[in-house]
Amino acid sequence: MKQNLYFDQISIEEVEGFHQKIATNIRKFREENKITQHDMALSMGIESVAFYSNCENLRYGKHFNIEHIFKISRILEVDIEEFFKNS
């Protein structure tokens, strides 16, 4: 099996920082639109506001997946690329 040379160069801290950037940007846009976590979760089809909150706050190892990010961008009417930019 061919070893992926890049995988060895990606640290856990880099990945966590990437998730943090996304969560921070999502929170910023959500708050600017005056949408609660509860309303966002329901709009996304998530019945548990606790799950949404855990993703936004990176608790218990939870984070948004690409489907979540897509839905959030549509709900907030924000280009998805905005979530990946440095604040």
PDB file of N, CA and C in Angstrom:
ATOM      1  N   MET A   1       0.835  -1.178   0.000  1.00  0.00           N
ATOM      2  CA  MET A   1       0.000   0.000   0.000  1.00  0.00           C
ATOM      3  C   MET A   1       0.881   1.242   0.000  1.00  0.00           C
ATOM      4  N   LYS A   2       0.553   2.177  -0.845  1.00  0.00           N
ATOM      5  CA  LYS A   2       1.312   3.419  -0.942  1.00  0.00           C
ATOM      6  C   LYS A   2       1.030   4.304   0.268  1.00  0.00           C
ATOM      7  N   GLN A   3       2.081   4.767   0.903  1.00  0.00           N
ATOM      8  CA  GLN A   3       1.931   5.627   2.071  1.00  0.00           C
ATOM      9  C   GLN A   3       1.646   7.055   1.612  1.00  0.00           C
ATOM     10  N   ASN A   4       0.722   7.699   2.290  1.00  0.00           N
ATOM     11  CA  ASN A   4       0.396   9.094   1.999  1.00  0.00           C
ATOM     12  C   ASN A   4       1.392   9.990   2.728  1.00  0.00           C
ATOM     13  N   LEU A   5       2.224  10.668   1.988  1.00  0.00           N
ATOM     14  CA  LEU A   5       3.259  11.506   2.577  1.00  0.00           C
ATOM     15  C   LEU A   5       2.683  12.715   3.292  1.00  0.00           C
ATOM     16  N   TYR A   6       1.530  13.195   2.856  1.00  0.00           N
ATOM     17  CA  TYR A   6       0.937  14.390   3.448  1.00  0.00           C
ATOM     18  C   TYR A   6       0.296  14.097   4.795  1.00  0.00           C
ATOM     19  N   PHE A   7      -0.274  12.903   4.939  1.00  0.00           N
ATOM     20  CA  PHE A   7      -0.965  12.563   6.174  1.00  0.00           C
ATOM     21  C   PHE A   7      -0.040  12.702   7.381  1.00  0.00           C
ATOM     22  N   ASP A   8       1.178  12.293   7.244  1.00  0.00           N
ATOM     23  CA  ASP A   8       2.132  12.366   8.347  1.00  0.00           C
ATOM     24  C   ASP A   8       2.476  13.806   8.717  1.00  0.00           C
ATOM     25  N   GLN A   9       2.189  14.731   7.844  1.00  0.00           N
ATOM     26  CA  GLN A   9       2.542  16.125   8.075  1.00  0.00           C
ATOM     27  C   GLN A   9       1.380  16.949   8.642  1.00  0.00           C
ATOM     28  N   ILE A  10       0.204  16.353   8.781  1.00  0.00           N
ATOM     29  CA  ILE A  10      -0.967  17.066   9.282  1.00  0.00           C
ATOM     30  C   ILE A  10      -1.138  16.732  10.758  1.00  0.00           C
ATOM     31  N   SER A  11      -1.058  17.756  11.601  1.00  0.00           N
ATOM     32  CA  SER A  11      -1.152  17.514  13.038  1.00  0.00           C
ATOM     33  C   SER A  11      -2.603  17.576  13.506  1.00  0.00           C
ATOM     34  N   ILE A  12      -2.833  16.976  14.646  1.00  0.00           N
ATOM     35  CA  ILE A  12      -4.153  17.032  15.273  1.00  0.00           C
ATOM     36  C   ILE A  12      -4.523  18.486  15.557  1.00  0.00           C
ATOM     37  N   GLU A  13      -3.542  19.273  15.956  1.00  0.00           N
ATOM     38  CA  GLU A  13      -3.793  20.688  16.250  1.00  0.00           C
ATOM     39  C   GLU A  13      -4.251  21.438  15.012  1.00  0.00           C
ATOM     40  N   GLU A  14      -3.675  21.115  13.852  1.00  0.00           N
ATOM     41  CA  GLU A  14      -4.105  21.762  12.609  1.00  0.00           C
ATOM     42  C   GLU A  14      -5.555  21.431  12.287  1.00  0.00           C
ATOM     43  N   VAL A  15      -5.906  20.179  12.451  1.00  0.00           N
ATOM     44  CA  VAL A  15      -7.286  19.754  12.176  1.00  0.00           C
ATOM     45  C   VAL A  15      -8.240  20.425  13.163  1.00  0.00           C
ATOM     46  N   GLU A  16      -7.892  20.446  14.434  1.00  0.00           N
ATOM     47  CA  GLU A  16      -8.732  21.099  15.436  1.00  0.00           C
ATOM     48  C   GLU A  16      -8.862  22.588  15.149  1.00  0.00           C
ATOM     49  N   GLY A  17      -7.784  23.218  14.710  1.00  0.00           N
ATOM     50  CA  GLY A  17      -7.823  24.632  14.345  1.00  0.00           C
ATOM     51  C   GLY A  17      -8.743  24.881  13.164  1.00  0.00           C
ATOM     52  N   PHE A  18      -8.741  23.963  12.219  1.00  0.00           N
ATOM     53  CA  PHE A  18      -9.621  24.051  11.052  1.00  0.00           C
ATOM     54  C   PHE A  18     -11.087  23.987  11.493  1.00  0.00           C
ATOM     55  N   HIS A  19     -11.411  23.030  12.362  1.00  0.00           N
ATOM     56  CA  HIS A  19     -12.778  22.918  12.881  1.00  0.00           C
ATOM     57  C   HIS A  19     -13.159  24.172  13.676  1.00  0.00           C
ATOM     58  N   GLN A  20     -12.211  24.704  14.440  1.00  0.00           N
ATOM     59  CA  GLN A  20     -12.478  25.905  15.241  1.00  0.00           C
ATOM     60  C   GLN A  20     -12.790  27.091  14.346  1.00  0.00           C
ATOM     61  N   LYS A  21     -12.048  27.246  13.273  1.00  0.00           N
ATOM     62  CA  LYS A  21     -12.281  28.353  12.344  1.00  0.00           C
ATOM     63  C   LYS A  21     -13.694  28.278  11.772  1.00  0.00           C
ATOM     64  N   ILE A  22     -14.086  27.100  11.354  1.00  0.00           N
ATOM     65  CA  ILE A  22     -15.417  26.915  10.775  1.00  0.00           C
ATOM     66  C   ILE A  22     -16.492  27.215  11.812  1.00  0.00           C
ATOM     67  N   ALA A  23     -16.355  26.659  13.008  1.00  0.00           N
ATOM     68  CA  ALA A  23     -17.356  26.863  14.055  1.00  0.00           C
ATOM     69  C   ALA A  23     -17.465  28.334  14.441  1.00  0.00           C
ATOM     70  N   THR A  24     -16.339  29.008  14.539  1.00  0.00           N
ATOM     71  CA  THR A  24     -16.328  30.434  14.889  1.00  0.00           C
ATOM     72  C   THR A  24     -17.040  31.256  13.819  1.00  0.00           C
ATOM     73  N   ASN A  25     -16.752  30.968  12.567  1.00  0.00           N
ATOM     74  CA  ASN A  25     -17.388  31.710  11.481  1.00  0.00           C
ATOM     75  C   ASN A  25     -18.888  31.432  11.417  1.00  0.00           C
ATOM     76  N   ILE A  26     -19.278  30.187  11.616  1.00  0.00           N
ATOM     77  CA  ILE A  26     -20.704  29.854  11.607  1.00  0.00           C
ATOM     78  C   ILE A  26     -21.412  30.611  12.722  1.00  0.00           C
ATOM     79  N   ARG A  27     -20.839  30.599  13.909  1.00  0.00           N
ATOM     80  CA  ARG A  27     -21.454  31.320  15.033  1.00  0.00           C
ATOM     81  C   ARG A  27     -21.582  32.806  14.706  1.00  0.00           C
ATOM     82  N   LYS A  28     -20.530  33.393  14.142  1.00  0.00           N
ATOM     83  CA  LYS A  28     -20.547  34.823  13.812  1.00  0.00           C
ATOM     84  C   LYS A  28     -21.705  35.141  12.863  1.00  0.00           C
ATOM     85  N   PHE A  29     -21.819  34.385  11.783  1.00  0.00           N
ATOM     86  CA  PHE A  29     -22.886  34.639  10.816  1.00  0.00           C
ATOM     87  C   PHE A  29     -24.265  34.337  11.403  1.00  0.00           C
ATOM     88  N   ARG A  30     -24.363  33.311  12.222  1.00  0.00           N
ATOM     89  CA  ARG A  30     -25.648  32.987  12.853  1.00  0.00           C
ATOM     90  C   ARG A  30     -26.090  34.119  13.765  1.00  0.00           C
ATOM     91  N   GLU A  31     -25.169  34.621  14.579  1.00  0.00           N
ATOM     92  CA  GLU A  31     -25.502  35.715  15.492  1.00  0.00           C
ATOM     93  C   GLU A  31     -25.807  37.004  14.736  1.00  0.00           C
ATOM     94  N   GLU A  32     -25.084  37.279  13.658  1.00  0.00           N
ATOM     95  CA  GLU A  32     -25.371  38.470  12.844  1.00  0.00           C
ATOM     96  C   GLU A  32     -26.785  38.419  12.269  1.00  0.00           C
ATOM     97  N   ASN A  33     -27.262  37.204  11.984  1.00  0.00           N
ATOM     98  CA  ASN A  33     -28.610  37.023  11.450  1.00  0.00           C
ATOM     99  C   ASN A  33     -29.649  36.855  12.555  1.00  0.00           C
ATOM    100  N   LYS A  34     -29.198  36.979  13.810  1.00  0.00           N
ATOM    101  CA  LYS A  34     -30.083  36.890  14.971  1.00  0.00           C
ATOM    102  C   LYS A  34     -30.915  35.602  14.979  1.00  0.00           C
ATOM    103  N   ILE A  35     -30.239  34.502  14.688  1.00  0.00           N
ATOM    104  CA  ILE A  35     -30.867  33.187  14.704  1.00  0.00           C
ATOM    105  C   ILE A  35     -30.309  32.416  15.897  1.00  0.00           C
ATOM    106  N   THR A  36     -31.191  31.839  16.676  1.00  0.00           N
ATOM    107  CA  THR A  36     -30.748  31.064  17.838  1.00  0.00           C
ATOM    108  C   THR A  36     -30.212  29.702  17.399  1.00  0.00           C
ATOM    109  N   GLN A  37     -29.458  29.087  18.280  1.00  0.00           N
ATOM    110  CA  GLN A  37     -28.988  27.731  18.002  1.00  0.00           C
ATOM    111  C   GLN A  37     -30.174  26.789  17.832  1.00  0.00           C
ATOM    112  N   HIS A  38     -31.193  26.973  18.629  1.00  0.00           N
ATOM    113  CA  HIS A  38     -32.394  26.138  18.540  1.00  0.00           C
ATOM    114  C   HIS A  38     -33.037  26.257  17.167  1.00  0.00           C
ATOM    115  N   ASP A  39     -33.241  27.483  16.698  1.00  0.00           N
ATOM    116  CA  ASP A  39     -33.858  27.689  15.389  1.00  0.00           C
ATOM    117  C   ASP A  39     -32.981  27.161  14.258  1.00  0.00           C
ATOM    118  N   MET A  40     -31.669  27.306  14.409  1.00  0.00           N
ATOM    119  CA  MET A  40     -30.758  26.787  13.388  1.00  0.00           C
ATOM    120  C   MET A  40     -30.848  25.270  13.322  1.00  0.00           C
ATOM    121  N   ALA A  41     -30.833  24.635  14.486  1.00  0.00           N
ATOM    122  CA  ALA A  41     -30.920  23.168  14.525  1.00  0.00           C
ATOM    123  C   ALA A  41     -32.207  22.689  13.866  1.00  0.00           C
ATOM    124  N   LEU A  42     -33.324  23.307  14.202  1.00  0.00           N
ATOM    125  CA  LEU A  42     -34.605  22.904  13.617  1.00  0.00           C
ATOM    126  C   LEU A  42     -34.620  23.129  12.111  1.00  0.00           C
ATOM    127  N   SER A  43     -34.056  24.251  11.660  1.00  0.00           N
ATOM    128  CA  SER A  43     -34.011  24.553  10.223  1.00  0.00           C
ATOM    129  C   SER A  43     -33.180  23.539   9.457  1.00  0.00           C
ATOM    130  N   MET A  44     -32.196  22.953  10.137  1.00  0.00           N
ATOM    131  CA  MET A  44     -31.327  21.960   9.514  1.00  0.00           C
ATOM    132  C   MET A  44     -31.903  20.556   9.587  1.00  0.00           C
ATOM    133  N   GLY A  45     -33.013  20.402  10.313  1.00  0.00           N
ATOM    134  CA  GLY A  45     -33.589  19.080  10.487  1.00  0.00           C
ATOM    135  C   GLY A  45     -32.973  18.307  11.646  1.00  0.00           C
ATOM    136  N   ILE A  46     -32.276  19.030  12.524  1.00  0.00           N
ATOM    137  CA  ILE A  46     -31.671  18.420  13.711  1.00  0.00           C
ATOM    138  C   ILE A  46     -32.629  18.660  14.875  1.00  0.00           C
ATOM    139  N   GLU A  47     -33.064  17.595  15.510  1.00  0.00           N
ATOM    140  CA  GLU A  47     -34.050  17.721  16.582  1.00  0.00           C
ATOM    141  C   GLU A  47     -33.429  18.101  17.921  1.00  0.00           C
ATOM    142  N   SER A  48     -32.128  17.936  18.043  1.00  0.00           N
ATOM    143  CA  SER A  48     -31.459  18.201  19.316  1.00  0.00           C
ATOM    144  C   SER A  48     -30.617  19.468  19.222  1.00  0.00           C
ATOM    145  N   VAL A  49     -31.053  20.494  19.957  1.00  0.00           N
ATOM    146  CA  VAL A  49     -30.247  21.709  19.990  1.00  0.00           C
ATOM    147  C   VAL A  49     -28.909  21.434  20.668  1.00  0.00           C
ATOM    148  N   ALA A  50     -28.885  20.458  21.576  1.00  0.00           N
ATOM    149  CA  ALA A  50     -27.632  20.113  22.256  1.00  0.00           C
ATOM    150  C   ALA A  50     -26.586  19.631  21.253  1.00  0.00           C
ATOM    151  N   PHE A  51     -27.010  18.834  20.270  1.00  0.00           N
ATOM    152  CA  PHE A  51     -26.065  18.366  19.259  1.00  0.00           C
ATOM    153  C   PHE A  51     -25.518  19.552  18.466  1.00  0.00           C
ATOM    154  N   TYR A  52     -26.408  20.444  18.033  1.00  0.00           N
ATOM    155  CA  TYR A  52     -25.954  21.619  17.281  1.00  0.00           C
ATOM    156  C   TYR A  52     -24.978  22.438  18.131  1.00  0.00           C
ATOM    157  N   SER A  53     -25.354  22.694  19.370  1.00  0.00           N
ATOM    158  CA  SER A  53     -24.509  23.475  20.268  1.00  0.00           C
ATOM    159  C   SER A  53     -23.146  22.813  20.458  1.00  0.00           C
ATOM    160  N   ASN A  54     -23.139  21.498  20.617  1.00  0.00           N
ATOM    161  CA  ASN A  54     -21.860  20.788  20.769  1.00  0.00           C
ATOM    162  C   ASN A  54     -20.980  20.950  19.537  1.00  0.00           C
ATOM    163  N   CYS A  55     -21.579  20.942  18.353  1.00  0.00           N
ATOM    164  CA  CYS A  55     -20.806  21.143  17.122  1.00  0.00           C
ATOM    165  C   CYS A  55     -20.258  22.567  17.053  1.00  0.00           C
ATOM    166  N   GLU A  56     -21.092  23.542  17.392  1.00  0.00           N
ATOM    167  CA  GLU A  56     -20.662  24.934  17.299  1.00  0.00           C
ATOM    168  C   GLU A  56     -19.589  25.255  18.333  1.00  0.00           C
ATOM    169  N   ASN A  57     -19.614  24.536  19.449  1.00  0.00           N
ATOM    170  CA  ASN A  57     -18.648  24.789  20.514  1.00  0.00           C
ATOM    171  C   ASN A  57     -17.561  23.720  20.610  1.00  0.00           C
ATOM    172  N   LEU A  58     -17.559  22.787  19.654  1.00  0.00           N
ATOM    173  CA  LEU A  58     -16.572  21.708  19.597  1.00  0.00           C
ATOM    174  C   LEU A  58     -16.475  20.926  20.899  1.00  0.00           C
ATOM    175  N   ARG A  59     -17.600  20.680  21.527  1.00  0.00           N
ATOM    176  CA  ARG A  59     -17.634  19.888  22.758  1.00  0.00           C
ATOM    177  C   ARG A  59     -17.788  18.410  22.416  1.00  0.00           C
ATOM    178  N   TYR A  60     -17.202  17.582  23.255  1.00  0.00           N
ATOM    179  CA  TYR A  60     -17.318  16.127  23.142  1.00  0.00           C
ATOM    180  C   TYR A  60     -16.845  15.600  21.784  1.00  0.00           C
ATOM    181  N   GLY A  61     -15.914  16.311  21.172  1.00  0.00           N
ATOM    182  CA  GLY A  61     -15.373  15.873  19.890  1.00  0.00           C
ATOM    183  C   GLY A  61     -16.321  16.060  18.711  1.00  0.00           C
ATOM    184  N   LYS A  62     -17.406  16.791  18.920  1.00  0.00           N
ATOM    185  CA  LYS A  62     -18.383  17.019  17.850  1.00  0.00           C
ATOM    186  C   LYS A  62     -17.958  18.205  17.003  1.00  0.00           C
ATOM    187  N   HIS A  63     -18.248  18.116  15.712  1.00  0.00           N
ATOM    188  CA  HIS A  63     -18.000  19.227  14.802  1.00  0.00           C
ATOM    189  C   HIS A  63     -18.944  19.076  13.613  1.00  0.00           C
ATOM    190  N   PHE A  64     -19.086  20.159  12.867  1.00  0.00           N
ATOM    191  CA  PHE A  64     -19.967  20.141  11.702  1.00  0.00           C
ATOM    192  C   PHE A  64     -19.352  19.303  10.588  1.00  0.00           C
ATOM    193  N   ASN A  65     -20.188  18.534   9.890  1.00  0.00           N
ATOM    194  CA  ASN A  65     -19.718  17.825   8.711  1.00  0.00           C
ATOM    195  C   ASN A  65     -20.084  18.644   7.473  1.00  0.00           C
ATOM    196  N   ILE A  66     -19.715  18.181   6.312  1.00  0.00           N
ATOM    197  CA  ILE A  66     -19.909  18.966   5.099  1.00  0.00           C
ATOM    198  C   ILE A  66     -21.395  19.185   4.795  1.00  0.00           C
ATOM    199  N   GLU A  67     -22.233  18.200   5.119  1.00  0.00           N
ATOM    200  CA  GLU A  67     -23.679  18.381   4.909  1.00  0.00           C
ATOM    201  C   GLU A  67     -24.223  19.477   5.821  1.00  0.00           C
ATOM    202  N   HIS A  68     -23.785  19.491   7.076  1.00  0.00           N
ATOM    203  CA  HIS A  68     -24.199  20.543   8.002  1.00  0.00           C
ATOM    204  C   HIS A  68     -23.786  21.911   7.465  1.00  0.00           C
ATOM    205  N   ILE A  69     -22.531  22.010   7.030  1.00  0.00           N
ATOM    206  CA  ILE A  69     -22.005  23.294   6.553  1.00  0.00           C
ATOM    207  C   ILE A  69     -22.779  23.762   5.322  1.00  0.00           C
ATOM    208  N   PHE A  70     -23.109  22.836   4.438  1.00  0.00           N
ATOM    209  CA  PHE A  70     -23.908  23.173   3.254  1.00  0.00           C
ATOM    210  C   PHE A  70     -25.271  23.723   3.664  1.00  0.00           C
ATOM    211  N   LYS A  71     -25.947  23.022   4.574  1.00  0.00           N
ATOM    212  CA  LYS A  71     -27.268  23.465   5.023  1.00  0.00           C
ATOM    213  C   LYS A  71     -27.194  24.826   5.710  1.00  0.00           C
ATOM    214  N   ILE A  72     -26.195  25.017   6.555  1.00  0.00           N
ATOM    215  CA  ILE A  72     -26.041  26.285   7.267  1.00  0.00           C
ATOM    216  C   ILE A  72     -25.827  27.423   6.275  1.00  0.00           C
ATOM    217  N   SER A  73     -25.015  27.188   5.262  1.00  0.00           N
ATOM    218  CA  SER A  73     -24.776  28.252   4.269  1.00  0.00           C
ATOM    219  C   SER A  73     -26.059  28.631   3.547  1.00  0.00           C
ATOM    220  N   ARG A  74     -26.901  27.656   3.252  1.00  0.00           N
ATOM    221  CA  ARG A  74     -28.176  27.932   2.584  1.00  0.00           C
ATOM    222  C   ARG A  74     -29.134  28.682   3.505  1.00  0.00           C
ATOM    223  N   ILE A  75     -29.208  28.256   4.748  1.00  0.00           N
ATOM    224  CA  ILE A  75     -30.114  28.889   5.714  1.00  0.00           C
ATOM    225  C   ILE A  75     -29.703  30.337   5.964  1.00  0.00           C
ATOM    226  N   LEU A  76     -28.405  30.559   6.141  1.00  0.00           N
ATOM    227  CA  LEU A  76     -27.907  31.911   6.431  1.00  0.00           C
ATOM    228  C   LEU A  76     -27.711  32.754   5.178  1.00  0.00           C
ATOM    229  N   GLU A  77     -27.851  32.120   4.021  1.00  0.00           N
ATOM    230  CA  GLU A  77     -27.620  32.797   2.734  1.00  0.00           C
ATOM    231  C   GLU A  77     -26.226  33.415   2.689  1.00  0.00           C
ATOM    232  N   VAL A  78     -25.247  32.568   3.043  1.00  0.00           N
ATOM    233  CA  VAL A  78     -23.836  32.950   3.061  1.00  0.00           C
ATOM    234  C   VAL A  78     -23.097  31.990   2.146  1.00  0.00           C
ATOM    235  N   ASP A  79     -22.211  32.505   1.305  1.00  0.00           N
ATOM    236  CA  ASP A  79     -21.391  31.622   0.480  1.00  0.00           C
ATOM    237  C   ASP A  79     -20.604  30.689   1.393  1.00  0.00           C
ATOM    238  N   ILE A  80     -20.635  29.418   1.080  1.00  0.00           N
ATOM    239  CA  ILE A  80     -20.008  28.403   1.932  1.00  0.00           C
ATOM    240  C   ILE A  80     -18.529  28.701   2.168  1.00  0.00           C
ATOM    241  N   GLU A  81     -17.885  29.311   1.203  1.00  0.00           N
ATOM    242  CA  GLU A  81     -16.455  29.608   1.347  1.00  0.00           C
ATOM    243  C   GLU A  81     -16.173  30.560   2.505  1.00  0.00           C
ATOM    244  N   GLU A  82     -17.157  31.352   2.910  1.00  0.00           N
ATOM    245  CA  GLU A  82     -16.970  32.304   4.012  1.00  0.00           C
ATOM    246  C   GLU A  82     -16.653  31.596   5.333  1.00  0.00           C
ATOM    247  N   PHE A  83     -17.134  30.369   5.471  1.00  0.00           N
ATOM    248  CA  PHE A  83     -16.904  29.626   6.716  1.00  0.00           C
ATOM    249  C   PHE A  83     -15.467  29.144   6.838  1.00  0.00           C
ATOM    250  N   PHE A  84     -14.728  29.138   5.736  1.00  0.00           N
ATOM    251  CA  PHE A  84     -13.362  28.622   5.722  1.00  0.00           C
ATOM    252  C   PHE A  84     -12.310  29.727   5.790  1.00  0.00           C
ATOM    253  N   LYS A  85     -12.748  30.972   5.847  1.00  0.00           N
ATOM    254  CA  LYS A  85     -11.829  32.102   5.866  1.00  0.00           C
ATOM    255  C   LYS A  85     -11.410  32.434   7.297  1.00  0.00           C
ATOM    256  N   ASN A  86     -10.215  33.008   7.427  1.00  0.00           N
ATOM    257  CA  ASN A  86      -9.770  33.470   8.739  1.00  0.00           C
ATOM    258  C   ASN A  86     -10.597  34.682   9.118  1.00  0.00           C
ATOM    259  N   SER A  87     -10.977  34.736  10.399  1.00  0.00           N
ATOM    260  CA  SER A  87     -11.806  35.850  10.893  1.00  0.00           C
ATOM    261  C   SER A  87     -11.006  37.134  10.944  1.00  0.00           C
TER     262      SER A  87
END
